[in-house]
Amino acid sequence: MEDEIIKSFESDLNQSIESLEGRLKKISAGRANPAILDGVMVSYYGTPTPLKSLVTISVPEARQLLIKPFDKSSLASIEKGIFEADIGYTPTNDGECIRISIPPLTEDRRRELVKQAKATCEEGKVAIRNQRRDTLELLKDSDLPEDTLKRCEERVQEIVDKYNKKIDSILESKTTDLMSV
């Protein structure tokens, strides 16, 4: 019983880490990365549609994204969707495709992005603490003997510590990436 609860807990933590990494990919380090367009929704014939299902995205230069729609009549709505997503970049429509130029980062902007990454990682740690609380409540409600419960609580805390260290290493890696010129 307790092993199932703890395995479920670890599975939830893995999902939290994956989610955190996905959110950190959206924090751009001054280089073109198609991941910054994840989550952009476009009104395609009146239906909100993910941008990635309407276009091919390529990186022709280190600081430029090239977005080619499958249906050229959707260029205006794609451009509008990118504007509305407020990703911080201005799309340029040339009638055939859309280009997004990524300006080089200033030192202040790099520091701001590091703060944003730290806040995102802290949200990940909060999610882990919430999952720990829920798991401990499940264990307490499962009518385990006191010594087994204590052992399980220690095991859960060891797992939490391991995942917090993982988040710290992810943050350190992202900070290094953001601060390198």
C-alpha atoms as a PDB file:
ATOM      1  CA  MET A   1       0.000   0.000   0.000  1.00  0.00           C
ATOM      2  CA  GLU A   2       2.606   2.562   1.060  1.00  0.00           C
ATOM      3  CA  ASP A   3       4.886   1.561  -1.848  1.00  0.00           C
ATOM      4  CA  GLU A   4       2.102   2.384  -4.314  1.00  0.00           C
ATOM      5  CA  ILE A   5       1.570   5.789  -2.715  1.00  0.00           C
ATOM      6  CA  ILE A   6       5.285   6.576  -2.827  1.00  0.00           C
ATOM      7  CA  LYS A   7       5.630   5.394  -6.453  1.00  0.00           C
ATOM      8  CA  SER A   8       2.690   7.596  -7.404  1.00  0.00           C
ATOM      9  CA  PHE A   9       4.367  10.461  -5.540  1.00  0.00           C
ATOM     10  CA  GLU A  10       7.615  10.000  -7.483  1.00  0.00           C
ATOM     11  CA  SER A  11       5.692   9.839 -10.740  1.00  0.00           C
ATOM     12  CA  ASP A  12       3.991  13.134  -9.880  1.00  0.00           C
ATOM     13  CA  LEU A  13       7.366  14.683  -9.067  1.00  0.00           C
ATOM     14  CA  ASN A  14       8.771  13.566 -12.423  1.00  0.00           C
ATOM     15  CA  GLN A  15       5.846  15.250 -14.148  1.00  0.00           C
ATOM     16  CA  SER A  16       6.505  18.419 -12.144  1.00  0.00           C
ATOM     17  CA  ILE A  17      10.156  18.411 -13.236  1.00  0.00           C
ATOM     18  CA  GLU A  18       9.144  17.920 -16.895  1.00  0.00           C
ATOM     19  CA  SER A  19       6.688  20.795 -16.594  1.00  0.00           C
ATOM     20  CA  LEU A  20       9.353  22.986 -15.021  1.00  0.00           C
ATOM     21  CA  GLU A  21      11.822  22.203 -17.798  1.00  0.00           C
ATOM     22  CA  GLY A  22       9.166  23.024 -20.389  1.00  0.00           C
ATOM     23  CA  ARG A  23       8.479  26.391 -18.779  1.00  0.00           C
ATOM     24  CA  LEU A  24      12.205  27.161 -18.561  1.00  0.00           C
ATOM     25  CA  LYS A  25      12.637  26.451 -22.279  1.00  0.00           C
ATOM     26  CA  LYS A  26      10.350  29.376 -22.964  1.00  0.00           C
ATOM     27  CA  ILE A  27      12.792  31.715 -21.234  1.00  0.00           C
ATOM     28  CA  SER A  28      14.928  32.670 -24.196  1.00  0.00           C
ATOM     29  CA  ALA A  29      18.671  33.200 -23.912  1.00  0.00           C
ATOM     30  CA  GLY A  30      18.892  35.555 -26.894  1.00  0.00           C
ATOM     31  CA  ARG A  31      19.013  32.728 -29.408  1.00  0.00           C
ATOM     32  CA  ALA A  32      16.198  31.614 -31.642  1.00  0.00           C
ATOM     33  CA  ASN A  33      14.370  28.665 -30.123  1.00  0.00           C
ATOM     34  CA  PRO A  34      11.093  27.340 -31.552  1.00  0.00           C
ATOM     35  CA  ALA A  35      10.007  26.465 -27.983  1.00  0.00           C
ATOM     36  CA  ILE A  36       9.241  30.145 -27.332  1.00  0.00           C
ATOM     37  CA  LEU A  37       6.223  29.705 -29.608  1.00  0.00           C
ATOM     38  CA  ASP A  38       4.811  26.801 -27.577  1.00  0.00           C
ATOM     39  CA  GLY A  39       1.436  27.739 -26.258  1.00  0.00           C
ATOM     40  CA  VAL A  40       0.740  30.322 -28.976  1.00  0.00           C
ATOM     41  CA  MET A  41      -2.855  29.892 -30.089  1.00  0.00           C
ATOM     42  CA  VAL A  42      -4.163  31.144 -33.435  1.00  0.00           C
ATOM     43  CA  SER A  43      -7.766  31.734 -34.424  1.00  0.00           C
ATOM     44  CA  TYR A  44      -7.980  29.510 -37.502  1.00  0.00           C
ATOM     45  CA  TYR A  45     -11.423  29.726 -39.128  1.00  0.00           C
ATOM     46  CA  GLY A  46     -12.836  30.838 -35.777  1.00  0.00           C
ATOM     47  CA  THR A  47     -11.336  27.966 -33.798  1.00  0.00           C
ATOM     48  CA  PRO A  48      -8.401  28.435 -31.394  1.00  0.00           C
ATOM     49  CA  THR A  49      -5.654  26.223 -32.816  1.00  0.00           C
ATOM     50  CA  PRO A  50      -2.071  25.665 -31.608  1.00  0.00           C
ATOM     51  CA  LEU A  51       0.400  27.490 -33.851  1.00  0.00           C
ATOM     52  CA  LYS A  52       2.578  24.392 -34.284  1.00  0.00           C
ATOM     53  CA  SER A  53      -0.237  22.536 -36.051  1.00  0.00           C
ATOM     54  CA  LEU A  54      -0.545  25.277 -38.706  1.00  0.00           C
ATOM     55  CA  VAL A  55       3.090  25.989 -39.579  1.00  0.00           C
ATOM     56  CA  THR A  56       6.619  24.722 -39.877  1.00  0.00           C
ATOM     57  CA  ILE A  57       9.104  26.594 -37.718  1.00  0.00           C
ATOM     58  CA  SER A  58      12.769  26.750 -38.651  1.00  0.00           C
ATOM     59  CA  VAL A  59      15.839  28.628 -37.443  1.00  0.00           C
ATOM     60  CA  PRO A  60      17.650  29.990 -40.540  1.00  0.00           C
ATOM     61  CA  GLU A  61      19.996  32.137 -38.415  1.00  0.00           C
ATOM     62  CA  ALA A  62      21.003  32.074 -34.764  1.00  0.00           C
ATOM     63  CA  ARG A  63      18.717  34.993 -33.940  1.00  0.00           C
ATOM     64  CA  GLN A  64      15.786  34.443 -36.274  1.00  0.00           C
ATOM     65  CA  LEU A  65      12.744  32.191 -36.458  1.00  0.00           C
ATOM     66  CA  LEU A  66      11.107  31.481 -39.804  1.00  0.00           C
ATOM     67  CA  ILE A  67       7.441  30.503 -39.665  1.00  0.00           C
ATOM     68  CA  LYS A  68       5.961  29.055 -42.863  1.00  0.00           C
ATOM     69  CA  PRO A  69       2.223  28.378 -42.795  1.00  0.00           C
ATOM     70  CA  PHE A  70       0.726  25.410 -44.597  1.00  0.00           C
ATOM     71  CA  ASP A  71      -2.146  27.686 -45.647  1.00  0.00           C
ATOM     72  CA  LYS A  72      -0.939  31.128 -46.764  1.00  0.00           C
ATOM     73  CA  SER A  73      -4.393  32.620 -46.199  1.00  0.00           C
ATOM     74  CA  SER A  74      -3.824  32.178 -42.454  1.00  0.00           C
ATOM     75  CA  LEU A  75      -0.772  34.500 -42.331  1.00  0.00           C
ATOM     76  CA  ALA A  76      -2.698  37.447 -40.865  1.00  0.00           C
ATOM     77  CA  SER A  77      -4.314  35.352 -38.115  1.00  0.00           C
ATOM     78  CA  ILE A  78      -0.958  33.711 -37.291  1.00  0.00           C
ATOM     79  CA  GLU A  79       0.671  37.127 -36.988  1.00  0.00           C
ATOM     80  CA  LYS A  80      -2.198  38.331 -34.790  1.00  0.00           C
ATOM     81  CA  GLY A  81      -1.917  35.207 -32.590  1.00  0.00           C
ATOM     82  CA  ILE A  82       1.808  35.825 -32.063  1.00  0.00           C
ATOM     83  CA  PHE A  83       1.109  39.460 -31.121  1.00  0.00           C
ATOM     84  CA  GLU A  84      -1.618  38.412 -28.680  1.00  0.00           C
ATOM     85  CA  ALA A  85       0.608  35.746 -27.080  1.00  0.00           C
ATOM     86  CA  ASP A  86       2.830  38.604 -25.882  1.00  0.00           C
ATOM     87  CA  ILE A  87       6.076  36.638 -26.154  1.00  0.00           C
ATOM     88  CA  GLY A  88       8.100  39.841 -26.365  1.00  0.00           C
ATOM     89  CA  TYR A  89       9.033  39.691 -30.050  1.00  0.00           C
ATOM     90  CA  THR A  90       7.521  41.394 -33.069  1.00  0.00           C
ATOM     91  CA  PRO A  91       6.669  39.199 -36.053  1.00  0.00           C
ATOM     92  CA  THR A  92       7.351  40.465 -39.583  1.00  0.00           C
ATOM     93  CA  ASN A  93       5.023  39.275 -42.348  1.00  0.00           C
ATOM     94  CA  ASP A  94       6.464  39.280 -45.900  1.00  0.00           C
ATOM     95  CA  GLY A  95       3.413  37.744 -47.619  1.00  0.00           C
ATOM     96  CA  GLU A  96       4.966  34.270 -47.813  1.00  0.00           C
ATOM     97  CA  CYS A  97       6.127  33.634 -44.270  1.00  0.00           C
ATOM     98  CA  ILE A  98       6.600  35.298 -40.904  1.00  0.00           C
ATOM     99  CA  ARG A  99      10.000  36.101 -39.444  1.00  0.00           C
ATOM    100  CA  ILE A 100      10.746  36.817 -35.823  1.00  0.00           C
ATOM    101  CA  SER A 101      14.079  38.495 -35.125  1.00  0.00           C
ATOM    102  CA  ILE A 102      15.479  37.994 -31.649  1.00  0.00           C
ATOM    103  CA  PRO A 103      17.555  40.971 -30.516  1.00  0.00           C
ATOM    104  CA  PRO A 104      20.780  40.419 -28.563  1.00  0.00           C
ATOM    105  CA  LEU A 105      20.250  40.540 -24.819  1.00  0.00           C
ATOM    106  CA  THR A 106      21.539  43.370 -22.666  1.00  0.00           C
ATOM    107  CA  GLU A 107      23.066  42.654 -19.257  1.00  0.00           C
ATOM    108  CA  ASP A 108      19.965  44.000 -17.507  1.00  0.00           C
ATOM    109  CA  ARG A 109      17.682  41.812 -19.600  1.00  0.00           C
ATOM    110  CA  ARG A 110      19.846  38.767 -18.801  1.00  0.00           C
ATOM    111  CA  ARG A 111      19.539  39.471 -15.066  1.00  0.00           C
ATOM    112  CA  GLU A 112      15.786  39.903 -15.473  1.00  0.00           C
ATOM    113  CA  LEU A 113      15.565  36.527 -17.233  1.00  0.00           C
ATOM    114  CA  VAL A 114      17.610  34.894 -14.445  1.00  0.00           C
ATOM    115  CA  LYS A 115      15.126  36.304 -11.908  1.00  0.00           C
ATOM    116  CA  GLN A 116      12.291  34.901 -13.999  1.00  0.00           C
ATOM    117  CA  ALA A 117      13.998  31.485 -14.091  1.00  0.00           C
ATOM    118  CA  LYS A 118      14.500  31.567 -10.299  1.00  0.00           C
ATOM    119  CA  ALA A 119      10.817  32.396  -9.792  1.00  0.00           C
ATOM    120  CA  THR A 120       9.818  29.532 -12.092  1.00  0.00           C
ATOM    121  CA  CYS A 121      12.063  27.124 -10.175  1.00  0.00           C
ATOM    122  CA  GLU A 122      10.632  28.318  -6.876  1.00  0.00           C
ATOM    123  CA  GLU A 123       7.143  27.560  -8.233  1.00  0.00           C
ATOM    124  CA  GLY A 124       8.429  24.057  -9.005  1.00  0.00           C
ATOM    125  CA  LYS A 125       9.640  23.660  -5.422  1.00  0.00           C
ATOM    126  CA  VAL A 126       6.283  24.841  -4.106  1.00  0.00           C
ATOM    127  CA  ALA A 127       4.569  22.238  -6.283  1.00  0.00           C
ATOM    128  CA  ILE A 128       6.843  19.569  -4.809  1.00  0.00           C
ATOM    129  CA  ARG A 129       6.023  20.696  -1.267  1.00  0.00           C
ATOM    130  CA  ASN A 130       2.310  20.555  -2.051  1.00  0.00           C
ATOM    131  CA  GLN A 131       2.678  17.050  -3.454  1.00  0.00           C
ATOM    132  CA  ARG A 132       4.643  16.040  -0.349  1.00  0.00           C
ATOM    133  CA  ARG A 133       1.853  17.352   1.886  1.00  0.00           C
ATOM    134  CA  ASP A 134      -0.786  15.456  -0.107  1.00  0.00           C
ATOM    135  CA  THR A 135       1.262  12.258  -0.008  1.00  0.00           C
ATOM    136  CA  LEU A 136       1.837  12.502   3.740  1.00  0.00           C
ATOM    137  CA  GLU A 137      -1.905  12.978   4.253  1.00  0.00           C
ATOM    138  CA  LEU A 138      -2.598   9.894   2.140  1.00  0.00           C
ATOM    139  CA  LEU A 139      -0.112   7.901   4.199  1.00  0.00           C
ATOM    140  CA  LYS A 140      -1.655   9.073   7.478  1.00  0.00           C
ATOM    141  CA  ASP A 141      -5.153   8.192   6.249  1.00  0.00           C
ATOM    142  CA  SER A 142      -4.068   4.675   5.249  1.00  0.00           C
ATOM    143  CA  ASP A 143      -3.986   3.411   8.869  1.00  0.00           C
ATOM    144  CA  LEU A 144      -0.351   2.293   8.808  1.00  0.00           C
ATOM    145  CA  PRO A 145       1.477   1.310  11.998  1.00  0.00           C
ATOM    146  CA  GLU A 146       3.305   4.238  13.562  1.00  0.00           C
ATOM    147  CA  ASP A 147       6.830   2.957  12.844  1.00  0.00           C
ATOM    148  CA  THR A 148       5.965   2.227   9.191  1.00  0.00           C
ATOM    149  CA  LEU A 149       4.408   5.664   8.865  1.00  0.00           C
ATOM    150  CA  LYS A 150       7.554   7.276  10.279  1.00  0.00           C
ATOM    151  CA  ARG A 151       9.748   5.307   7.867  1.00  0.00           C
ATOM    152  CA  CYS A 152       7.532   6.341   4.936  1.00  0.00           C
ATOM    153  CA  GLU A 153       7.657   9.993   5.975  1.00  0.00           C
ATOM    154  CA  GLU A 154      11.461   9.854   6.032  1.00  0.00           C
ATOM    155  CA  ARG A 155      11.497   8.189   2.613  1.00  0.00           C
ATOM    156  CA  VAL A 156       9.183  10.860   1.205  1.00  0.00           C
ATOM    157  CA  GLN A 157      11.456  13.588   2.604  1.00  0.00           C
ATOM    158  CA  GLU A 158      14.533  11.944   1.024  1.00  0.00           C
ATOM    159  CA  ILE A 159      12.739  11.922  -2.332  1.00  0.00           C
ATOM    160  CA  VAL A 160      11.744  15.585  -1.910  1.00  0.00           C
ATOM    161  CA  ASP A 161      15.358  16.516  -1.105  1.00  0.00           C
ATOM    162  CA  LYS A 162      16.559  14.657  -4.208  1.00  0.00           C
ATOM    163  CA  TYR A 163      14.099  16.491  -6.457  1.00  0.00           C
ATOM    164  CA  ASN A 164      14.884  19.866  -4.877  1.00  0.00           C
ATOM    165  CA  LYS A 165      18.577  19.276  -5.684  1.00  0.00           C
ATOM    166  CA  LYS A 166      17.542  18.409  -9.231  1.00  0.00           C
ATOM    167  CA  ILE A 167      15.666  21.723  -9.499  1.00  0.00           C
ATOM    168  CA  ASP A 168      18.713  23.574  -8.126  1.00  0.00           C
ATOM    169  CA  SER A 169      20.964  21.983 -10.758  1.00  0.00           C
ATOM    170  CA  ILE A 170      18.448  22.827 -13.507  1.00  0.00           C
ATOM    171  CA  LEU A 171      18.395  26.442 -12.307  1.00  0.00           C
ATOM    172  CA  GLU A 172      22.193  26.600 -12.174  1.00  0.00           C
ATOM    173  CA  SER A 173      22.393  25.292 -15.735  1.00  0.00           C
ATOM    174  CA  LYS A 174      19.777  27.795 -16.957  1.00  0.00           C
ATOM    175  CA  THR A 175      21.501  30.675 -15.165  1.00  0.00           C
ATOM    176  CA  THR A 176      24.811  29.777 -16.814  1.00  0.00           C
ATOM    177  CA  ASP A 177      23.065  29.595 -20.187  1.00  0.00           C
ATOM    178  CA  LEU A 178      21.360  32.957 -19.722  1.00  0.00           C
ATOM    179  CA  MET A 179      24.429  34.804 -18.476  1.00  0.00           C
ATOM    180  CA  SER A 180      26.801  33.539 -21.178  1.00  0.00           C
ATOM    181  CA  VAL A 181      27.246  36.041 -23.985  1.00  0.00           C
END
